């Protein structure tokens, strides 16, 4: 068995240079005051760190040491190295669980979504933002990721929603350009 470098450890030092900082409003709209956020596959903590100034208590979970090391430069984040498929948190720990541009990298997507549903509180939401594989450009991204050794597996927006609904959440899909946004809420 040969040594294999995690591509995300290699990308970590330059990742934020090529990613825009997300606008906080779409996330804040799903959160109440004094909210707890879990950013699954949160990498360098870009999404979570954009919400900290608004009083959000943010946890970033990622499997990449390099990404989490880069995230240490951002203030106010609790960083956890781990797997999205086996979360080290009690049931209903978070008001919002986000997965931004990461679901396609998870080995067991269904299990990761079950874990997200388990750890979100009643009345809370799971938000998935993914490139929309139905677009040709995203298929090219998939090919490039494969060439870099990533084992990406993209689901269509409706497949993601179906999997979230099978976990007892109810949601909706919205798409713009090449991105899909799936918001699914846990009933009270």
Protein backbone atom coordinates (compact mmCIF):
# COMPACT_ATOMS: atom_id res chain seq x y z
CA UNK A 1 0.00 0.00 0.00
CA UNK A 2 1.58 3.27 -1.13
CA UNK A 3 1.66 6.67 0.49
CA UNK A 4 -1.03 9.02 -0.80
CA UNK A 5 -1.15 12.76 -0.15
CA UNK A 6 -4.54 14.27 0.64
CA UNK A 7 -5.20 16.79 -2.18
CA UNK A 8 -6.87 19.11 0.34
CA UNK A 9 -3.69 19.27 2.42
CA UNK A 10 -1.95 20.47 -0.74
CA UNK A 11 -4.67 23.02 -1.57
CA UNK A 12 -5.02 24.38 1.96
CA UNK A 13 -2.44 27.17 1.74
CA UNK A 14 -3.93 28.70 -1.42
CA UNK A 15 -7.59 27.70 -1.07
CA UNK A 16 -8.89 31.03 0.28
CA UNK A 17 -7.18 32.98 -2.51
CA UNK A 18 -9.42 31.35 -5.08
CA UNK A 19 -12.65 31.31 -3.08
CA UNK A 20 -14.78 34.35 -2.44
CA UNK A 21 -15.95 35.04 1.08
CA UNK A 22 -19.65 34.17 1.18
CA UNK A 23 -22.30 36.78 1.92
CA UNK A 24 -23.60 36.01 5.41
CA UNK A 25 -27.29 36.85 4.80
CA UNK A 26 -28.45 33.53 3.30
CA UNK A 27 -27.06 31.73 6.35
CA UNK A 28 -28.19 34.29 8.92
CA UNK A 29 -31.75 34.08 7.53
CA UNK A 30 -31.82 30.47 8.77
CA UNK A 31 -30.42 31.24 12.22
CA UNK A 32 -31.83 32.81 15.35
CA UNK A 33 -29.90 34.75 17.96
CA UNK A 34 -27.07 33.04 19.84
CA UNK A 35 -27.11 30.28 17.24
CA UNK A 36 -24.84 27.26 16.96
CA UNK A 37 -23.54 26.36 13.50
CA UNK A 38 -21.79 23.22 12.29
CA UNK A 39 -19.87 23.60 9.04
CA UNK A 40 -19.30 20.05 7.73
CA UNK A 41 -16.33 19.71 5.42
CA UNK A 42 -15.75 23.35 6.32
CA UNK A 43 -12.13 23.38 5.20
CA UNK A 44 -10.46 26.70 5.97
CA UNK A 45 -13.55 27.95 7.81
CA UNK A 46 -14.52 30.56 5.24
CA UNK A 47 -18.29 30.17 5.65
CA UNK A 48 -18.21 29.85 9.44
CA UNK A 49 -15.84 32.79 9.95
CA UNK A 50 -18.15 35.06 7.93
CA UNK A 51 -20.89 34.37 10.52
CA UNK A 52 -18.89 34.73 13.75
CA UNK A 53 -19.14 38.57 13.77
CA UNK A 54 -22.93 38.15 13.99
CA UNK A 55 -22.74 36.20 17.25
CA UNK A 56 -22.86 32.74 15.69
CA UNK A 57 -20.99 30.06 17.64
CA UNK A 58 -19.34 28.10 14.85
CA UNK A 59 -17.79 24.64 14.71
CA UNK A 60 -15.82 23.63 11.61
CA UNK A 61 -15.36 19.91 11.06
CA UNK A 62 -13.00 18.68 8.36
CA UNK A 63 -10.84 15.62 7.78
CA UNK A 64 -7.91 17.58 6.30
CA UNK A 65 -5.16 18.63 8.71
CA UNK A 66 -3.96 21.20 6.19
CA UNK A 67 -7.36 22.85 5.82
CA UNK A 68 -7.87 23.02 9.59
CA UNK A 69 -4.37 24.42 10.02
CA UNK A 70 -5.26 27.22 7.59
CA UNK A 71 -8.55 27.76 9.48
CA UNK A 72 -6.60 28.44 12.69
CA UNK A 73 -5.80 31.89 11.29
CA UNK A 74 -9.48 32.82 11.59
CA UNK A 75 -10.89 33.91 14.95
CA UNK A 76 -13.83 32.53 16.85
CA UNK A 77 -13.97 29.05 15.33
CA UNK A 78 -13.95 25.73 17.13
CA UNK A 79 -12.03 23.37 14.84
CA UNK A 80 -12.58 19.62 14.89
CA UNK A 81 -10.74 17.06 12.79
CA UNK A 82 -13.10 14.26 11.93
CA UNK A 83 -15.41 12.54 9.52
CA UNK A 84 -18.78 13.87 8.37
CA UNK A 85 -19.98 10.28 8.42
CA UNK A 86 -19.42 9.87 12.18
CA UNK A 87 -19.93 13.16 14.01
CA UNK A 88 -18.63 13.48 17.58
CA UNK A 89 -21.61 15.59 18.72
CA UNK A 90 -24.79 14.75 20.63
CA UNK A 91 -28.19 14.72 18.93
CA UNK A 92 -29.72 18.14 18.23
CA UNK A 93 -26.54 20.10 19.00
CA UNK A 94 -26.82 22.74 16.25
CA UNK A 95 -29.32 25.27 14.92
CA UNK A 96 -27.88 25.03 11.41
CA UNK A 97 -25.66 22.46 9.73
CA UNK A 98 -24.09 23.64 6.47
CA UNK A 99 -22.26 21.65 3.81
CA UNK A 100 -20.83 24.06 1.23
CA UNK A 101 -19.02 22.59 -1.80
CA UNK A 102 -18.15 19.49 0.19
CA UNK A 103 -20.88 16.84 -0.12
CA UNK A 104 -19.41 15.52 -3.37
CA UNK A 105 -16.17 14.76 -1.49
CA UNK A 106 -17.75 12.68 1.29
CA UNK A 107 -17.16 8.94 1.01
CA UNK A 108 -20.60 7.98 2.31
CA UNK A 109 -22.90 10.84 1.44
CA UNK A 110 -26.05 9.19 2.76
CA UNK A 111 -24.48 8.54 6.14
CA UNK A 112 -23.11 12.10 6.31
CA UNK A 113 -26.58 13.49 5.60
CA UNK A 114 -28.07 11.25 8.30
CA UNK A 115 -25.47 12.59 10.73
CA UNK A 116 -26.29 16.18 9.73
CA UNK A 117 -30.00 15.48 10.33
CA UNK A 118 -29.23 13.85 13.68
CA UNK A 119 -27.18 16.77 14.98
CA UNK A 120 -29.52 19.59 13.90
CA UNK A 121 -32.08 20.62 16.52
CA UNK A 122 -35.84 20.50 15.99
CA UNK A 123 -36.85 23.62 14.09
CA UNK A 124 -33.30 23.91 12.75
CA UNK A 125 -32.09 23.40 9.20
CA UNK A 126 -29.54 21.60 7.10
CA UNK A 127 -28.24 23.69 4.19
CA UNK A 128 -26.40 22.02 1.32
CA UNK A 129 -24.75 24.12 -1.40
CA UNK A 130 -23.25 22.12 -4.24
CA UNK A 131 -22.22 22.59 -7.84
CA UNK A 132 -25.14 21.48 -10.02
CA UNK A 133 -23.90 18.40 -11.89
CA UNK A 134 -26.58 18.89 -14.54
CA UNK A 135 -24.43 21.66 -16.05
CA UNK A 136 -21.62 20.88 -18.46
CA UNK A 137 -19.15 23.19 -16.69
CA UNK A 138 -19.64 21.28 -13.44
CA UNK A 139 -18.97 18.04 -15.27
CA UNK A 140 -15.64 19.53 -16.33
CA UNK A 141 -14.92 20.39 -12.69
CA UNK A 142 -15.68 16.77 -11.81
CA UNK A 143 -13.19 15.61 -14.45
CA UNK A 144 -10.45 17.96 -13.21
CA UNK A 145 -11.03 16.80 -9.63
CA UNK A 146 -10.66 13.20 -10.78
CA UNK A 147 -7.36 14.09 -12.48
CA UNK A 148 -6.14 15.49 -9.13
CA UNK A 149 -6.96 12.24 -7.39
CA UNK A 150 -10.22 13.31 -5.81
CA UNK A 151 -12.99 10.74 -5.74
CA UNK A 152 -15.80 13.23 -6.18
CA UNK A 153 -19.36 11.96 -6.59
CA UNK A 154 -21.92 14.60 -7.44
CA UNK A 155 -25.63 14.15 -6.82
CA UNK A 156 -28.36 16.09 -8.57
CA UNK A 157 -30.23 18.62 -6.42
CA UNK A 158 -33.33 16.40 -6.34
CA UNK A 159 -31.22 13.41 -5.23
CA UNK A 160 -29.81 15.46 -2.35
CA UNK A 161 -33.30 16.60 -1.33
CA UNK A 162 -34.61 13.02 -1.51
CA UNK A 163 -31.83 11.84 0.80
CA UNK A 164 -32.48 14.65 3.29
CA UNK A 165 -36.21 13.93 3.26
CA UNK A 166 -35.50 10.25 3.91
CA UNK A 167 -33.85 11.48 7.15
CA UNK A 168 -37.11 13.09 8.24
CA UNK A 169 -36.34 16.63 7.06
CA UNK A 170 -38.55 18.68 4.72
CA UNK A 171 -36.99 21.00 2.22
CA UNK A 172 -36.76 22.77 -1.05
CA UNK A 173 -34.27 23.26 -3.85
CA UNK A 174 -33.23 26.48 -5.54
CA UNK A 175 -30.68 26.75 -8.32
CA UNK A 176 -28.87 29.63 -9.96
CA UNK A 177 -26.18 29.47 -12.59
CA UNK A 178 -24.14 26.38 -11.76
CA UNK A 179 -25.05 26.04 -8.09
CA UNK A 180 -27.79 24.26 -6.19
CA UNK A 181 -28.98 25.24 -2.73
CA UNK A 182 -31.00 22.75 -0.73
CA UNK A 183 -32.54 23.85 2.58
CA UNK A 184 -34.20 21.14 4.67
CA UNK A 185 -35.77 21.74 8.07
CA UNK A 186 -36.29 19.39 10.97
CA UNK A 187 -39.85 19.50 12.30
CA UNK A 188 -40.57 20.74 15.79
